[in-house]
Structure formats: C-alpha cells, structure tokens
C-alpha cells in the first residue's frame, strides 16, 4: 500500500510541478500588477483578441468637420486617430466654431482644440439640455442644440442658453469614413481592448479556456490536496 501511494505521489507531483510554478509566478505578478504595468499593457496577438471577441459590435460612425473626424467605435470616441473618450453611449455630432471643435455625446459637450486636446467638458450642470439628438450652428456661428424638449442656442463664452420652438441650423451629419482611417481606428480599438492583467488573470484561473479551463484548474486543486494528504500520510507511516 505504501509503495503504491508513494508511486502515484511522485507521478502526480511531477506532472503538476510546472503548473504549480506557473501559478506561483502568475500570482506574484498579479499581486504587483500596477508596478509591472500589466493593467496598462495591451495584448496585440490576433488569436487572443479573437478568442476574447475584441471587435466592435457595429460599424464605426463618423462626423467630418473642417477636414477633421470624430468617430465612435463601440463605447470609444476618437478625434481623427486619437482616442478621447472610452465610455460613450451615443455620439451626436461635431461642429467647429473658430478654432474650437465641439463634440456632442451623452448629454455632454466636449470642447477640443485643433490638436485634439480637451479644453472643457460641459454637462447638465452647465446647462447642456437632456436628450440631445443633433448639434449644429446658425449663420452667426452660434451652437444650436436640438433636444427632446426643443431647440437651444448657446453662447459658449458666457454659457448662456436660450430656448426656442424651432431654429434653422447647419446640422452635423454622418459621413463615410475613409478606408485608411477606418482601418487605423479598428486596429487601435482591438489593440487597446485586452490588457495583460486580464489575460494573465484568466490564465491563472483557467477562465481563458471557458468552463473546461475551470474544470482543469479544479482538477489541479484536487491533485494538490492529494499530494498534501499523501505526503502527510507517508510521513506519519514512516514515523510509526
């Protein structure tokens, strides 16, 4: 009996040794994720990105103004090929007033300079009307907002909002995105969709391989218990 258990204790211990080493190293790495920058390092491997289905569920939507683009892919918004927002639900449009670009989304107005740097972010507290459906400008280059409750003209210099039943405006409308820019944006979207931390955590837990990965890790845990118990039993057996 002792020889039989000793034999399987050694075999199982040999088989799972490498996995134990991986669990130990990955566990240490995850404990120091921020220092190792795992949460800001992104996976670029196509088969892993495909495994996690890191692709937009719908086609990119773009608005063109003065040769500059604002594009939404998933919940991310890009100014040309620079990501500026990562949690947007609905991009409404973009207009340019003087040297400032005004982007409307999710009940907010984001003001950018020509380099795509954020100058200011306006929301409901600053008077931005709820339920925005369109953004445009009038003949005097005032911002015009169409919302669920009516039309608004805003003076951005003093943040003065005036409400109207109807206003004519040059409305921002979607445009067909150029293929090179579209390809660049989609590559960026995939390239920043999966962190090294998420991948290592899923490898550590087995979740990267779905339910079978979890079952495999469960099996390894059971074998750990077997190794521990048989080791204690063999020590007790020799001692007595």
Protein backbone atom coordinates (compact mmCIF):
# COMPACT_ATOMS: atom_id res chain seq x y z
CA UNK A 1 0.00 0.00 0.00
CA UNK A 2 2.79 2.39 0.95
CA UNK A 3 4.70 1.68 -2.29
CA UNK A 4 1.55 2.21 -4.40
CA UNK A 5 0.76 5.58 -2.81
CA UNK A 6 4.40 6.65 -2.97
CA UNK A 7 4.49 5.82 -6.70
CA UNK A 8 1.42 7.91 -7.52
CA UNK A 9 2.52 10.69 -5.18
CA UNK A 10 5.73 11.06 -7.22
CA UNK A 11 3.99 10.78 -10.61
CA UNK A 12 1.29 13.32 -9.87
CA UNK A 13 3.80 15.63 -8.23
CA UNK A 14 5.96 15.54 -11.36
CA UNK A 15 3.03 16.17 -13.72
CA UNK A 16 1.71 19.21 -11.87
CA UNK A 17 5.08 20.75 -10.92
CA UNK A 18 5.21 23.06 -13.94
CA UNK A 19 1.64 24.17 -13.36
CA UNK A 20 2.46 24.94 -9.73
CA UNK A 21 5.40 27.06 -10.86
CA UNK A 22 3.14 28.93 -13.32
CA UNK A 23 0.51 29.57 -10.64
CA UNK A 24 3.17 30.88 -8.27
CA UNK A 25 4.77 33.21 -10.84
CA UNK A 26 1.45 34.48 -12.23
CA UNK A 27 0.11 35.01 -8.71
CA UNK A 28 3.14 37.11 -7.75
CA UNK A 29 2.84 39.10 -11.00
CA UNK A 30 -0.87 39.80 -10.40
CA UNK A 31 -0.12 40.99 -6.85
CA UNK A 32 2.20 43.61 -8.37
CA UNK A 33 0.11 44.38 -11.44
CA UNK A 34 0.42 48.17 -11.20
CA UNK A 35 4.18 48.14 -10.69
CA UNK A 36 4.60 45.77 -13.63
CA UNK A 37 2.11 47.90 -15.64
CA UNK A 38 0.07 44.83 -16.53
CA UNK A 39 -3.11 46.92 -16.33
CA UNK A 40 -1.82 49.37 -18.96
CA UNK A 41 -0.04 46.90 -21.26
CA UNK A 42 -2.24 45.69 -24.09
CA UNK A 43 -2.22 42.37 -25.91
CA UNK A 44 -1.62 42.59 -29.67
CA UNK A 45 -1.84 38.87 -30.53
CA UNK A 46 -4.64 38.33 -33.05
CA UNK A 47 -5.70 34.85 -31.92
CA UNK A 48 -6.07 36.04 -28.32
CA UNK A 49 -8.04 39.10 -29.44
CA UNK A 50 -10.26 36.81 -31.49
CA UNK A 51 -10.65 34.44 -28.53
CA UNK A 52 -11.91 37.34 -26.40
CA UNK A 53 -14.00 38.63 -29.33
CA UNK A 54 -12.39 42.07 -29.12
CA UNK A 55 -14.21 43.61 -32.06
CA UNK A 56 -16.90 46.30 -32.27
CA UNK A 57 -20.47 45.02 -32.45
CA UNK A 58 -21.39 47.67 -35.00
CA UNK A 59 -19.72 49.68 -37.75
CA UNK A 60 -17.83 52.88 -36.81
CA UNK A 61 -19.85 56.11 -37.06
CA UNK A 62 -18.06 59.28 -38.17
CA UNK A 63 -18.71 63.02 -38.45
CA UNK A 64 -16.47 65.25 -40.57
CA UNK A 65 -15.86 68.94 -39.89
CA UNK A 66 -13.12 71.11 -41.46
CA UNK A 67 -11.13 68.03 -42.54
CA UNK A 68 -11.15 66.54 -39.04
CA UNK A 69 -13.07 63.49 -37.93
CA UNK A 70 -14.83 62.38 -34.78
CA UNK A 71 -15.52 58.65 -34.84
CA UNK A 72 -17.32 56.32 -32.46
CA UNK A 73 -16.42 52.63 -32.23
CA UNK A 74 -18.24 50.74 -29.51
CA UNK A 75 -18.05 52.96 -26.44
CA UNK A 76 -14.89 54.74 -27.59
CA UNK A 77 -14.70 58.05 -29.43
CA UNK A 78 -11.71 59.14 -31.50
CA UNK A 79 -10.70 62.57 -32.78
CA UNK A 80 -9.08 61.56 -36.06
CA UNK A 81 -6.95 58.63 -34.82
CA UNK A 82 -6.62 59.79 -31.20
CA UNK A 83 -8.86 58.22 -28.54
CA UNK A 84 -10.52 60.93 -26.41
CA UNK A 85 -13.44 59.11 -24.73
CA UNK A 86 -13.76 55.48 -23.63
CA UNK A 87 -17.23 55.29 -22.07
CA UNK A 88 -19.64 56.94 -24.54
CA UNK A 89 -23.07 55.57 -25.39
CA UNK A 90 -24.12 57.79 -28.29
CA UNK A 91 -22.14 60.23 -30.38
CA UNK A 92 -24.46 63.01 -31.64
CA UNK A 93 -22.12 65.01 -33.87
CA UNK A 94 -19.35 67.61 -34.10
CA UNK A 95 -19.09 71.22 -35.31
CA UNK A 96 -16.22 73.69 -35.48
CA UNK A 97 -16.55 77.25 -34.20
CA UNK A 98 -13.46 79.41 -34.78
CA UNK A 99 -10.58 77.15 -33.70
CA UNK A 100 -12.65 75.01 -31.36
CA UNK A 101 -14.30 71.68 -32.10
CA UNK A 102 -17.46 70.92 -30.13
CA UNK A 103 -18.40 67.24 -29.81
CA UNK A 104 -21.86 66.29 -28.56
CA UNK A 105 -22.46 62.94 -26.85
CA UNK A 106 -24.44 61.52 -23.91
CA UNK A 107 -25.82 64.88 -22.78
CA UNK A 108 -22.33 66.44 -22.80
CA UNK A 109 -20.36 68.86 -24.92
CA UNK A 110 -16.61 68.34 -25.18
CA UNK A 111 -14.54 71.26 -26.46
CA UNK A 112 -11.27 70.44 -28.23
CA UNK A 113 -8.54 72.46 -29.89
CA UNK A 114 -7.27 71.61 -33.37
CA UNK A 115 -4.73 69.16 -31.85
CA UNK A 116 -7.49 67.14 -30.18
CA UNK A 117 -6.65 68.37 -26.67
CA UNK A 118 -9.63 68.74 -24.32
CA UNK A 119 -10.32 72.36 -23.41
CA UNK A 120 -13.52 71.91 -21.45
CA UNK A 121 -16.29 69.41 -20.75
CA UNK A 122 -19.84 70.72 -20.29
CA UNK A 123 -22.71 68.66 -18.87
CA UNK A 124 -26.15 69.22 -17.36
CA UNK A 125 -24.75 71.32 -14.54
CA UNK A 126 -23.53 73.83 -17.15
CA UNK A 127 -26.91 73.91 -18.90
CA UNK A 128 -26.49 71.23 -21.55
CA UNK A 129 -30.05 70.07 -22.33
CA UNK A 130 -31.02 66.45 -21.78
CA UNK A 131 -31.93 64.24 -24.70
CA UNK A 132 -29.66 65.82 -27.34
CA UNK A 133 -30.40 64.49 -30.79
CA UNK A 134 -28.49 66.92 -33.05
CA UNK A 135 -25.83 69.63 -32.92
CA UNK A 136 -25.25 72.37 -35.47
CA UNK A 137 -24.60 76.09 -35.89
CA UNK A 138 -26.53 79.09 -37.22
CA UNK A 139 -25.48 81.91 -39.57
CA UNK A 140 -23.77 83.75 -36.70
CA UNK A 141 -21.85 80.56 -35.79
CA UNK A 142 -23.69 80.05 -32.54
CA UNK A 143 -24.04 76.46 -31.35
CA UNK A 144 -27.53 75.07 -31.86
CA UNK A 145 -28.75 72.02 -29.97
CA UNK A 146 -31.84 70.02 -30.83
CA UNK A 147 -33.09 68.04 -27.85
CA UNK A 148 -36.14 66.12 -26.76
CA UNK A 149 -37.60 69.33 -25.29
CA UNK A 150 -36.89 71.83 -28.09
CA UNK A 151 -34.11 73.86 -29.68
CA UNK A 152 -31.35 75.75 -27.85
CA UNK A 153 -28.87 78.41 -28.88
CA UNK A 154 -25.79 78.71 -26.67
CA UNK A 155 -23.17 81.37 -26.24
CA UNK A 156 -20.16 79.35 -25.15
CA UNK A 157 -18.24 82.42 -23.96
CA UNK A 158 -20.73 83.14 -21.18
CA UNK A 159 -22.58 79.78 -21.19
CA UNK A 160 -25.90 81.46 -21.91
CA UNK A 161 -28.64 79.13 -23.16
CA UNK A 162 -31.76 80.33 -24.99
CA UNK A 163 -34.68 78.02 -25.73
CA UNK A 164 -36.78 78.12 -28.93
CA UNK A 165 -39.60 76.15 -30.53
CA UNK A 166 -37.60 75.85 -33.74
CA UNK A 167 -34.29 77.09 -35.19
CA UNK A 168 -32.78 76.56 -38.62
CA UNK A 169 -29.20 75.32 -38.43
CA UNK A 170 -26.42 73.63 -40.33
CA UNK A 171 -26.69 70.26 -38.65
CA UNK A 172 -23.79 67.88 -38.18
CA UNK A 173 -24.42 64.68 -40.13
CA UNK A 174 -22.60 61.39 -40.53
CA UNK A 175 -20.06 60.95 -43.32
CA UNK A 176 -18.45 57.91 -44.91
CA UNK A 177 -15.15 57.30 -43.15
CA UNK A 178 -12.12 56.90 -45.39
CA UNK A 179 -10.89 53.31 -45.55
CA UNK A 180 -7.31 54.01 -44.28
CA UNK A 181 -8.65 55.93 -41.26
CA UNK A 182 -11.30 53.30 -40.58
CA UNK A 183 -8.68 50.53 -40.67
CA UNK A 184 -6.41 52.53 -38.33
CA UNK A 185 -9.23 53.15 -35.83
CA UNK A 186 -10.31 49.49 -35.82
CA UNK A 187 -6.70 48.40 -35.28
CA UNK A 188 -6.45 50.79 -32.33
CA UNK A 189 -9.76 49.55 -30.95
CA UNK A 190 -8.60 45.95 -30.96
CA UNK A 191 -5.14 46.89 -29.72
CA UNK A 192 -6.47 48.56 -26.56
CA UNK A 193 -9.24 46.10 -25.81
CA UNK A 194 -7.37 43.44 -23.83
CA UNK A 195 -4.89 44.09 -21.03
CA UNK A 196 -2.06 41.79 -19.99
CA UNK A 197 -3.55 41.79 -16.49
CA UNK A 198 -6.91 40.43 -17.72
CA UNK A 199 -5.19 37.76 -19.82
CA UNK A 200 -2.87 36.63 -17.01
CA UNK A 201 -5.73 36.58 -14.52
CA UNK A 202 -7.81 34.38 -16.83
CA UNK A 203 -4.84 32.08 -17.43
CA UNK A 204 -4.25 31.88 -13.68
CA UNK A 205 -7.89 30.90 -13.05
CA UNK A 206 -8.37 28.84 -16.23
CA UNK A 207 -11.25 31.05 -17.41
CA UNK A 208 -9.44 31.82 -20.66
CA UNK A 209 -10.46 28.33 -21.86
CA UNK A 210 -14.07 28.61 -20.73
CA UNK A 211 -15.75 26.07 -18.46
CA UNK A 212 -13.23 23.35 -19.39
CA UNK A 213 -10.41 25.59 -18.18
CA UNK A 214 -12.20 25.99 -14.86
CA UNK A 215 -12.68 22.22 -14.59
CA UNK A 216 -8.98 21.70 -15.31
CA UNK A 217 -7.98 24.13 -12.55
CA UNK A 218 -10.43 22.36 -10.22
CA UNK A 219 -8.73 19.06 -11.07
CA UNK A 220 -5.31 20.56 -10.32
CA UNK A 221 -6.64 21.77 -6.96
CA UNK A 222 -7.87 18.25 -6.16
CA UNK A 223 -4.45 16.86 -7.08
CA UNK A 224 -2.85 19.46 -4.79
CA UNK A 225 -4.96 18.11 -1.95
CA UNK A 226 -4.00 14.54 -2.89
CA UNK A 227 -0.29 15.41 -2.85
CA UNK A 228 -0.60 17.14 0.51
CA UNK A 229 -2.59 14.35 2.17
CA UNK A 230 -0.44 11.53 0.79
CA UNK A 231 2.69 13.40 1.81
CA UNK A 232 1.40 13.73 5.37
CA UNK A 233 0.30 10.09 5.40
CA UNK A 234 3.71 8.82 4.17
CA UNK A 235 5.49 10.96 6.79
CA UNK A 236 3.21 9.57 9.52
CA UNK A 237 3.59 5.99 8.20
CA UNK A 238 7.42 6.14 8.24
CA UNK A 239 7.44 7.74 11.66
CA UNK A 240 5.33 4.97 13.14
